[in-house]
Each structure stands twice: as C-alpha cells, then as structure tokens.
Amino acid sequence: MQPLRGILFKILSVMTFMGMASLIKASSVDVPPGQAVFFRSFFALPILFGWLALRGELRDGWKTKNPLAHVWRGLAGTMGMGFGFTGLGLLPLPEVTAIGYAAPLLVVIFAAMFLGEEVRAFRLSAVALGLVGVLIILSPRLSVGAEAGSRETLGAVVVLMGAMMAALAHVFVRKMVATEATAAIVFWFTITSSMLALLTLPWGWAVPSPSVVLMLIMAGLLGGIGQILMTSSYRYADASLVAPFDYTSMLLALVIGYFIFDEVPTGTMLLGAGIVILAGVLIIWRERQLGIARAQQRKAMGHLGGK
C-alpha cells in the first residue's frame, strides 16, 4: 500500500470529474443530455483501451463471466449519468454536486435491501442525518411556494433520481466484483452506456458548433482519465482512507460555479451540504473502524490456529 499516492490519485480523479461536469454543463444549452452521455462514454474508450494495453490486459481484460450483470449495471449507471447531466443544465453546479452526495447514503440502504448487508444503528443514524441534509438542500426547490414545473424544481428531482440510480449501479458493482475484473466492469459500462445513449437519437440530437463538439470530446477524455485515476487510487490505498476526499469536489464546485458560471451558493444549500458531508464521513469512519476490528479478529484467530 502507498497511501499518499492513493490520496493523490483520488484528488486528481475528483478534479478530473469536476472538469468533465463543467464541460457538460457549459454545453448543456446546445446539446440534449442523451447526446452528452454518448460523447462522455464513447470518447472515453481510447483512454480505456490505452489503459488496458499498459496493464497488459488488452486481450483478456474485457472478458466477462456474467454478461447480463453488465447490462443491468449499464442501465442503472447510464440512467444515473443522464439524469445528472440533465440536472447540470438546470441547477447550479454546487447544488448538483451536493445532491449527488446522497448516492453513498442510498448505497447503504440499497445494499441492505438487495445484498442482505447488515446495517446497524450507527450507520442507519448517519444515513438518516444525511437524508435530512438532502431535504434541506431540496427544500427551496420543492417547497409549496416554489413555482410548479419550474426548471429548478425539475432539476432537483432529476438530480435526486440520478443519485438513486448511481447508488443502484454501485450496488450492482459490489455484487459483480466477486466474478468480474475491474477492467471488465469499466470497459463494458463504457460500451453499454455508449449504445444506450444512441437510443436517444429519435428525441432529437443537435448539430453543435465545433467549439461545443470539442468540449464534449474533452468531457469524454476526462471521464476516461478520471475513471482510471479513481480505480488506481483504490489500488494504492484502502477505500476508507481515500473515500473522504470525494468531498473536495464541493470546494471545486463552489470555485468553478462562482468564477465560471456566476453561481452564488445559498446558505440553505451550504448548510444541507455540510450535513450530508458530515453523515458521509461518519459512515466512512464507521466502515474503517469495523474493518480494523475484523482485521484484528482474523489476526487473533490466525494466532490461535497456529498453536
């Protein structure tokens, strides 16, 4: 393990994904979300092929033992991406980022529902706290006084739906890692999402300007690079160590939103985001404590077995 390298890769991945989201947001006026999903997925493929080649997995890294699992994961992940990209065109970047933090909280619930994972009172309490924070973020958009059918209300709904689908995709991945290689999971998701995005063609794709096309291609390249950096971060450090650095995306979202998109965050959004981040950190801390306890227990059992 090389924890400092793992942390560096994680922070770089967060920066890369935030750059991708900014490009998608900047192009959202000119192209529909389905078209943006296609560019994001298709132009990540050259990066992924290069990564597989460097790892010596170009011949076998994409092979799968459970093709149907990739289809379900692809459906959930692509829907999550599409909802998220839709939200980027409707809401400020920091707000989309903050609502997206609901995904790790929902993973805890979905893992208990679909994988039978045991969830004790501490994590349930942290999830409940985080969901309160999400409700605080959403409250100005979904309140009785909010204009019905407004862009912001629609944006809040689709971003939350995106977080739910992203959480579901994560649960699928948790189950898939028992039989599937990481390279195969990443590769087939990129292929699946590219193909699914093409199904949105009948709803009208735009013919963007060269500058917008360049932004979309860059978004795809950055998405592929970010995926590799994130995967590499977990190779060099424990997930419980690098996961909290996901929340550096809020600082980046605030800076980019203010200086690039002229977005000023509200106090309500910052309060809710702070509560969600606190809940996420508590869950990560608890997972780390449980991991240490399990490791110590295995070590003790090993000593007993050696006597």
Protein backbone atom coordinates (compact mmCIF):
# COMPACT_ATOMS: atom_id res chain seq x y z
CA MET A 1 0.00 0.00 0.00
CA GLN A 2 1.14 3.55 -0.81
CA PRO A 3 -1.49 5.73 0.91
CA LEU A 4 -0.12 9.10 -0.19
CA ARG A 5 -0.15 8.02 -3.81
CA GLY A 6 -3.69 6.69 -3.37
CA ILE A 7 -4.85 10.02 -1.92
CA LEU A 8 -3.15 11.94 -4.75
CA PHE A 9 -4.85 9.81 -7.39
CA LYS A 10 -8.20 10.26 -5.66
CA ILE A 11 -7.89 14.05 -5.55
CA LEU A 12 -6.79 14.11 -9.19
CA SER A 13 -9.79 11.97 -10.12
CA VAL A 14 -12.14 14.36 -8.32
CA MET A 15 -10.59 17.32 -10.15
CA THR A 16 -10.87 15.49 -13.48
CA PHE A 17 -14.52 14.54 -12.96
CA MET A 18 -15.33 18.09 -11.92
CA GLY A 19 -13.70 19.37 -15.10
CA MET A 20 -15.82 16.90 -17.06
CA ALA A 21 -19.01 18.06 -15.29
CA SER A 22 -18.14 21.69 -16.03
CA LEU A 23 -17.73 20.94 -19.73
CA ILE A 24 -21.05 19.07 -19.80
CA LYS A 25 -22.75 21.98 -18.06
CA ALA A 26 -21.23 24.51 -20.47
CA SER A 27 -22.50 22.50 -23.46
CA SER A 28 -25.96 21.75 -21.98
CA VAL A 29 -27.52 24.75 -23.75
CA ASP A 30 -26.54 23.33 -27.15
CA VAL A 31 -26.98 19.54 -26.86
CA PRO A 32 -29.51 17.26 -25.12
CA PRO A 33 -28.41 15.05 -22.20
CA GLY A 34 -28.52 11.82 -24.22
CA GLN A 35 -26.07 13.21 -26.75
CA ALA A 36 -23.79 14.39 -23.93
CA VAL A 37 -23.88 10.87 -22.41
CA PHE A 38 -22.80 9.42 -25.76
CA PHE A 39 -19.82 11.77 -26.10
CA ARG A 40 -18.86 11.21 -22.45
CA SER A 41 -18.88 7.43 -22.92
CA PHE A 42 -17.68 6.94 -26.48
CA PHE A 43 -14.66 9.24 -26.24
CA ALA A 44 -13.57 7.60 -23.00
CA LEU A 45 -12.91 4.40 -24.97
CA PRO A 46 -9.48 5.42 -26.39
CA ILE A 47 -8.31 6.18 -22.85
CA LEU A 48 -9.60 2.85 -21.57
CA PHE A 49 -8.03 0.90 -24.45
CA GLY A 50 -4.71 2.59 -23.70
CA TRP A 51 -5.06 1.75 -20.02
CA LEU A 52 -5.78 -1.92 -20.77
CA ALA A 53 -2.78 -2.03 -23.11
CA LEU A 54 -0.45 -0.59 -20.45
CA ARG A 55 -1.72 -3.16 -17.93
CA GLY A 56 -1.25 -5.97 -20.44
CA GLU A 57 -4.98 -6.71 -20.32
CA LEU A 58 -5.99 -5.66 -23.83
CA ARG A 59 -6.56 -9.27 -24.86
CA ASP A 60 -8.28 -10.63 -21.74
CA GLY A 61 -9.20 -7.64 -19.54
CA TRP A 62 -12.61 -7.15 -21.16
CA LYS A 63 -13.72 -10.79 -20.81
CA THR A 64 -16.76 -11.40 -18.64
CA LYS A 65 -18.37 -14.34 -16.89
CA ASN A 66 -21.71 -12.62 -16.34
CA PRO A 67 -22.80 -10.52 -19.34
CA LEU A 68 -26.30 -9.90 -18.00
CA ALA A 69 -24.90 -8.25 -14.87
CA HIS A 70 -23.13 -5.70 -17.08
CA VAL A 71 -26.42 -4.95 -18.82
CA TRP A 72 -28.21 -4.18 -15.54
CA ARG A 73 -25.28 -2.17 -14.25
CA GLY A 74 -25.13 -0.32 -17.56
CA LEU A 75 -28.84 0.55 -17.46
CA ALA A 76 -28.64 1.92 -13.93
CA GLY A 77 -25.37 3.77 -14.49
CA THR A 78 -26.43 5.28 -17.81
CA MET A 79 -29.74 6.48 -16.36
CA GLY A 80 -27.86 7.99 -13.43
CA MET A 81 -25.49 9.76 -15.82
CA GLY A 82 -28.35 11.02 -17.98
CA PHE A 83 -30.31 12.37 -15.02
CA GLY A 84 -27.16 14.01 -13.65
CA PHE A 85 -26.34 15.66 -16.98
CA THR A 86 -29.92 16.91 -17.22
CA GLY A 87 -29.59 18.44 -13.77
CA LEU A 88 -26.36 20.20 -14.74
CA GLY A 89 -28.32 22.20 -17.29
CA LEU A 90 -31.00 23.16 -14.77
CA LEU A 91 -29.25 23.80 -11.45
CA PRO A 92 -26.07 25.49 -10.21
CA LEU A 93 -23.01 23.23 -10.19
CA PRO A 94 -22.54 23.27 -6.37
CA GLU A 95 -26.17 22.27 -5.85
CA VAL A 96 -25.93 19.35 -8.29
CA THR A 97 -22.74 18.26 -6.50
CA ALA A 98 -24.37 18.47 -3.07
CA ILE A 99 -27.48 16.48 -4.07
CA GLY A 100 -25.20 13.90 -5.67
CA TYR A 101 -23.74 13.21 -2.24
CA ALA A 102 -26.98 11.37 -1.49
CA ALA A 103 -25.70 8.43 -3.57
CA PRO A 104 -23.32 6.96 -0.93
CA LEU A 105 -26.09 7.23 1.66
CA LEU A 106 -28.52 5.40 -0.58
CA VAL A 107 -25.90 2.71 -1.23
CA VAL A 108 -26.14 1.75 2.46
CA ILE A 109 -29.91 1.34 2.18
CA PHE A 110 -29.84 -0.50 -1.16
CA ALA A 111 -27.04 -2.82 -0.01
CA ALA A 112 -29.17 -3.85 2.95
CA MET A 113 -32.22 -4.33 0.72
CA PHE A 114 -30.65 -6.17 -2.21
CA LEU A 115 -27.41 -7.69 -0.88
CA GLY A 116 -28.53 -8.54 2.63
CA GLU A 117 -25.75 -6.48 4.21
CA GLU A 118 -26.19 -5.89 7.91
CA VAL A 119 -26.71 -2.24 8.81
CA ARG A 120 -26.51 -1.35 12.49
CA ALA A 121 -27.92 1.62 14.36
CA PHE A 122 -24.87 3.87 13.89
CA ARG A 123 -24.91 3.72 10.10
CA LEU A 124 -28.69 3.99 9.98
CA SER A 125 -28.50 7.12 12.13
CA ALA A 126 -25.80 8.59 9.88
CA VAL A 127 -27.88 7.84 6.79
CA ALA A 128 -30.92 9.49 8.39
CA LEU A 129 -28.81 12.55 9.23
CA GLY A 130 -27.55 12.72 5.66
CA LEU A 131 -31.03 12.46 4.21
CA VAL A 132 -32.09 15.36 6.42
CA GLY A 133 -29.27 17.34 4.82
CA VAL A 134 -30.52 16.35 1.35
CA LEU A 135 -34.03 17.53 2.27
CA ILE A 136 -32.59 20.86 3.42
CA ILE A 137 -30.84 21.27 0.05
CA LEU A 138 -34.01 20.36 -1.82
CA SER A 139 -36.43 22.37 0.32
CA PRO A 140 -36.24 25.68 -1.62
CA ARG A 141 -36.86 23.80 -4.88
CA LEU A 142 -39.69 21.56 -3.69
CA SER A 143 -41.48 23.84 -1.24
CA VAL A 144 -45.14 24.76 -1.66
CA GLY A 145 -44.12 28.27 -2.61
CA ALA A 146 -41.88 27.11 -5.41
CA GLU A 147 -43.20 27.62 -8.90
CA ALA A 148 -44.74 24.36 -10.11
CA GLY A 149 -42.93 22.88 -13.07
CA SER A 150 -40.04 25.33 -12.80
CA ARG A 151 -36.61 24.45 -14.20
CA GLU A 152 -35.14 24.37 -10.71
CA THR A 153 -37.81 22.02 -9.36
CA LEU A 154 -37.33 19.67 -12.30
CA GLY A 155 -33.57 19.90 -11.83
CA ALA A 156 -33.80 18.94 -8.15
CA VAL A 157 -35.97 15.93 -8.98
CA VAL A 158 -33.79 14.60 -11.81
CA VAL A 159 -30.53 15.04 -9.87
CA LEU A 160 -32.00 13.12 -6.93
CA MET A 161 -33.16 10.40 -9.32
CA GLY A 162 -29.65 10.36 -10.76
CA ALA A 163 -28.21 9.84 -7.27
CA MET A 164 -30.62 6.95 -6.72
CA MET A 165 -29.63 5.26 -10.00
CA ALA A 166 -25.93 5.84 -9.29
CA ALA A 167 -26.36 4.17 -5.89
CA LEU A 168 -28.14 1.24 -7.50
CA ALA A 169 -25.33 0.90 -10.06
CA HIS A 170 -22.81 0.86 -7.20
CA VAL A 171 -24.71 -1.99 -5.55
CA PHE A 172 -24.59 -3.93 -8.82
CA VAL A 173 -20.82 -3.39 -8.93
CA ARG A 174 -20.45 -4.64 -5.36
CA LYS A 175 -22.07 -7.89 -6.41
CA MET A 176 -20.17 -8.11 -9.70
CA VAL A 177 -16.67 -7.84 -8.22
CA ALA A 178 -17.00 -11.41 -6.95
CA THR A 179 -16.74 -12.72 -10.53
CA GLU A 180 -15.73 -9.77 -12.75
CA ALA A 181 -12.40 -7.99 -13.12
CA THR A 182 -12.32 -4.24 -12.56
CA ALA A 183 -11.14 -3.66 -16.14
CA ALA A 184 -14.12 -5.61 -17.49
CA ILE A 185 -16.58 -3.67 -15.34
CA VAL A 186 -15.20 -0.33 -16.52
CA PHE A 187 -14.93 -1.41 -20.16
CA TRP A 188 -18.40 -2.88 -20.53
CA PHE A 189 -20.05 0.02 -18.75
CA THR A 190 -18.47 2.40 -21.25
CA ILE A 191 -19.65 0.25 -24.16
CA THR A 192 -23.16 -0.19 -22.72
CA SER A 193 -23.64 3.50 -21.93
CA SER A 194 -22.48 4.49 -25.43
CA MET A 195 -25.00 2.13 -27.01
CA LEU A 196 -27.85 3.14 -24.71
CA ALA A 197 -27.17 6.83 -25.36
CA LEU A 198 -27.66 6.20 -29.09
CA LEU A 199 -31.26 5.18 -28.33
CA THR A 200 -32.00 8.85 -27.59
CA LEU A 201 -31.37 9.83 -31.23
CA PRO A 202 -35.11 9.89 -32.11
CA TRP A 203 -35.64 12.59 -29.47
CA GLY A 204 -33.50 14.96 -31.48
CA TRP A 205 -29.76 15.37 -31.35
CA ALA A 206 -28.31 18.76 -32.17
CA VAL A 207 -25.59 19.70 -34.65
CA PRO A 208 -23.33 21.66 -32.31
CA SER A 209 -20.65 24.13 -33.23
CA PRO A 210 -17.02 22.96 -33.43
CA SER A 211 -16.27 24.53 -30.05
CA VAL A 212 -19.11 22.60 -28.39
CA VAL A 213 -18.01 19.37 -30.09
CA LEU A 214 -14.52 19.96 -28.72
CA MET A 215 -15.92 20.46 -25.21
CA LEU A 216 -17.90 17.21 -25.46
CA ILE A 217 -14.88 15.26 -26.72
CA MET A 218 -12.79 16.69 -23.88
CA ALA A 219 -15.52 15.66 -21.42
CA GLY A 220 -15.28 12.10 -22.70
CA LEU A 221 -11.50 12.03 -22.48
CA LEU A 222 -11.58 13.49 -18.97
CA GLY A 223 -14.22 10.95 -17.96
CA GLY A 224 -11.96 8.09 -19.06
CA ILE A 225 -8.93 9.58 -17.31
CA GLY A 226 -10.95 10.19 -14.13
CA GLN A 227 -12.16 6.58 -14.11
CA ILE A 228 -8.59 5.29 -14.33
CA LEU A 229 -7.33 7.67 -11.63
CA MET A 230 -10.16 6.65 -9.30
CA THR A 231 -9.52 2.95 -9.89
CA SER A 232 -5.80 3.45 -9.30
CA SER A 233 -6.43 5.31 -6.04
CA TYR A 234 -8.11 2.21 -4.57
CA ARG A 235 -5.17 0.08 -5.66
CA TYR A 236 -2.70 2.11 -3.62
CA ALA A 237 -4.79 2.85 -0.50
CA ASP A 238 -7.77 1.49 1.44
CA ALA A 239 -11.17 2.69 0.29
CA SER A 240 -11.94 4.03 3.76
CA LEU A 241 -8.85 6.26 3.56
CA VAL A 242 -9.40 7.80 0.13
CA ALA A 243 -13.22 7.96 0.08
CA PRO A 244 -13.49 11.17 2.22
CA PHE A 245 -11.53 13.05 -0.45
CA ASP A 246 -14.59 12.75 -2.70
CA TYR A 247 -15.92 15.73 -0.78
CA THR A 248 -13.20 18.01 -2.11
CA SER A 249 -15.49 18.20 -5.13
CA MET A 250 -17.66 20.67 -3.21
CA LEU A 251 -14.79 23.14 -2.91
CA LEU A 252 -14.08 22.81 -6.62
CA ALA A 253 -17.79 23.14 -7.48
CA LEU A 254 -18.06 26.33 -5.42
CA VAL A 255 -14.99 27.89 -7.08
CA ILE A 256 -15.94 26.85 -10.63
CA GLY A 257 -19.58 27.75 -10.12
CA TYR A 258 -18.71 31.23 -8.86
CA PHE A 259 -15.94 32.18 -11.29
CA ILE A 260 -17.06 30.34 -14.45
CA PHE A 261 -20.86 30.18 -14.24
CA ASP A 262 -21.51 33.19 -11.96
CA GLU A 263 -23.34 30.99 -9.42
CA VAL A 264 -23.54 32.18 -5.82
CA PRO A 265 -24.39 29.40 -3.31
CA THR A 266 -27.20 29.94 -0.83
CA GLY A 267 -26.86 29.47 2.91
CA THR A 268 -29.50 26.73 2.81
CA MET A 269 -27.55 24.76 0.22
CA LEU A 270 -24.29 25.10 2.17
CA LEU A 271 -25.97 24.02 5.41
CA GLY A 272 -27.53 20.97 3.80
CA ALA A 273 -24.29 20.06 2.01
CA GLY A 274 -22.37 20.32 5.28
CA ILE A 275 -24.79 17.92 6.98
CA VAL A 276 -24.62 15.43 4.10
CA ILE A 277 -20.81 15.54 4.08
CA LEU A 278 -20.73 15.01 7.87
CA ALA A 279 -23.01 11.99 7.52
CA GLY A 280 -20.87 10.56 4.73
CA VAL A 281 -17.67 10.98 6.73
CA LEU A 282 -19.29 9.30 9.75
CA ILE A 283 -20.27 6.30 7.62
CA ILE A 284 -16.75 6.06 6.16
CA TRP A 285 -15.23 6.33 9.66
CA ARG A 286 -17.51 3.59 10.93
CA GLU A 287 -16.61 1.35 8.00
CA ARG A 288 -12.92 1.89 8.75
CA GLN A 289 -13.40 1.03 12.43
CA LEU A 290 -15.28 -2.14 11.53
CA GLY A 291 -12.58 -3.06 9.01
CA ILE A 292 -9.85 -2.64 11.65
CA ALA A 293 -11.86 -4.72 14.11
CA ARG A 294 -12.38 -7.50 11.55
CA ALA A 295 -8.68 -7.49 10.67
CA GLN A 296 -7.72 -7.77 14.33
CA GLN A 297 -10.20 -10.60 14.80
CA ARG A 298 -8.78 -12.51 11.81
CA LYS A 299 -5.26 -11.95 13.15
CA ALA A 300 -6.23 -13.27 16.57
CA MET A 301 -7.91 -16.32 15.03
CA GLY A 302 -4.77 -16.92 12.98
CA HIS A 303 -2.62 -16.91 16.09
CA LEU A 304 -5.00 -19.34 17.78
CA GLY A 305 -4.95 -21.62 14.75
CA GLY A 306 -1.14 -21.68 14.79
CA LYS A 307 -0.92 -23.00 18.32
